[in-house]
Amino acid sequence: MSGPLDGVRVLDLSQIVSGPFASMMLSDLGADVIKVEPTDARDPIRQGFFMRGGLPALYLNNNRGKRVIGANMRSRAGCDIVLELAERADVVIQNMRP
């Protein structure tokens, strides 16, 4: 989908609502959003109500238009994957606790 942000690459490391919602809006405006989900845990918002195809509506809505990859950022290999994606990104969104 083209839009004003066509050609902008966003790396989304966020979970729950605020970060995924922000990157969803960037995707709606044409950005190429790559969402990284942890392989050792699931986004807590996946356990919600109003399921469709095994996923809650809020999760599906906030992650529409994104490409998703799983990476264990607690391992060296997972960190290398995320760092390589970050080098190619114009924007990085994260909402991790320190």
Protein backbone atom coordinates (compact mmCIF):
# COMPACT_ATOMS: atom_id res chain seq x y z
CA MET A 1 0.00 0.00 0.00
CA SER A 2 1.45 3.36 -0.94
CA GLY A 3 1.04 6.50 1.07
CA PRO A 4 2.98 9.47 2.42
CA LEU A 5 5.36 7.14 4.29
CA ASP A 6 6.01 4.84 1.32
CA GLY A 7 9.68 3.81 1.45
CA VAL A 8 10.04 4.30 5.22
CA ARG A 9 11.02 1.16 7.11
CA VAL A 10 9.91 0.80 10.73
CA LEU A 11 11.21 -1.79 13.19
CA ASP A 12 8.56 -2.48 15.82
CA LEU A 13 9.82 -4.09 19.04
CA SER A 14 6.77 -3.07 21.07
CA GLN A 15 4.00 -5.04 22.78
CA ILE A 16 0.60 -4.55 24.42
CA VAL A 17 -1.29 -1.55 22.91
CA SER A 18 0.49 1.82 22.62
CA GLY A 19 3.55 0.77 20.58
CA PRO A 20 1.70 -1.60 18.23
CA PHE A 21 -1.02 1.03 17.72
CA ALA A 22 1.59 3.67 16.80
CA SER A 23 3.31 1.38 14.30
CA MET A 24 -0.11 0.35 12.90
CA MET A 25 -0.81 4.00 12.08
CA LEU A 26 2.59 4.27 10.35
CA SER A 27 1.74 1.13 8.37
CA ASP A 28 -1.63 2.61 7.42
CA LEU A 29 0.28 5.60 6.03
CA GLY A 30 2.40 3.34 3.82
CA ALA A 31 5.46 2.53 5.94
CA ASP A 32 6.99 -0.95 5.76
CA VAL A 33 6.65 -2.17 9.35
CA ILE A 34 8.54 -5.22 10.61
CA LYS A 35 7.33 -6.41 14.00
CA VAL A 36 9.69 -8.53 16.11
CA GLU A 37 8.00 -10.83 18.59
CA PRO A 38 9.89 -12.77 21.25
CA THR A 39 10.06 -16.52 20.72
CA ASP A 40 10.43 -17.26 24.42
CA ALA A 41 7.21 -15.43 25.40
CA ARG A 42 4.08 -14.18 23.69
CA ASP A 43 2.73 -10.66 23.46
CA PRO A 44 0.39 -10.54 26.51
CA ILE A 45 -2.33 -8.91 24.38
CA ARG A 46 -2.68 -12.23 22.51
CA GLN A 47 -4.64 -13.50 25.51
CA GLY A 48 -7.79 -11.49 25.15
CA PHE A 49 -11.42 -11.69 24.24
CA PHE A 50 -13.28 -11.62 20.92
CA MET A 51 -11.11 -14.28 19.30
CA ARG A 52 -10.96 -14.89 15.57
CA GLY A 53 -8.76 -17.64 14.21
CA GLY A 54 -7.16 -18.08 17.63
CA LEU A 55 -6.13 -14.41 18.00
CA PRO A 56 -7.95 -11.59 19.80
CA ALA A 57 -9.40 -8.75 17.76
CA LEU A 58 -7.25 -6.11 19.49
CA TYR A 59 -4.05 -7.97 18.58
CA LEU A 60 -5.19 -8.46 14.98
CA ASN A 61 -6.19 -4.82 14.57
CA ASN A 62 -3.04 -3.33 16.11
CA ASN A 63 -0.77 -5.55 14.02
CA ARG A 64 -2.47 -5.29 10.65
CA GLY A 65 -0.31 -4.38 7.70
CA LYS A 66 2.91 -5.53 9.37
CA ARG A 67 5.39 -8.25 8.61
CA VAL A 68 6.24 -10.33 11.68
CA ILE A 69 9.39 -12.19 12.64
CA GLY A 70 10.17 -14.08 15.83
CA ALA A 71 13.53 -13.58 17.54
CA ASN A 72 14.82 -14.58 20.96
CA MET A 73 16.57 -11.39 22.02
CA ARG A 74 18.03 -13.19 25.03
CA SER A 75 20.31 -15.12 22.69
CA ARG A 76 23.25 -13.80 20.67
CA ALA A 77 21.70 -15.03 17.40
CA GLY A 78 18.40 -13.29 18.17
CA CYS A 79 20.17 -10.04 19.05
CA ASP A 80 22.15 -10.21 15.82
CA ILE A 81 18.92 -10.53 13.82
CA VAL A 82 17.37 -7.53 15.57
CA LEU A 83 20.53 -5.43 15.19
CA GLU A 84 20.66 -6.21 11.46
CA LEU A 85 17.02 -5.17 11.09
CA ALA A 86 17.69 -1.99 13.10
CA GLU A 87 20.58 -1.04 10.80
CA ARG A 88 18.17 -1.08 7.85
CA ALA A 89 15.33 0.74 9.66
CA ASP A 90 14.52 4.42 9.51
CA VAL A 91 12.45 4.25 12.73
CA VAL A 92 12.62 1.92 15.74
CA ILE A 93 9.63 1.69 18.10
CA GLN A 94 10.03 0.01 21.49
CA ASN A 95 8.24 0.14 24.80
CA MET A 96 10.40 -2.22 26.86
CA ARG A 97 10.96 -1.66 30.52
CA PRO A 98 14.54 -0.78 31.46
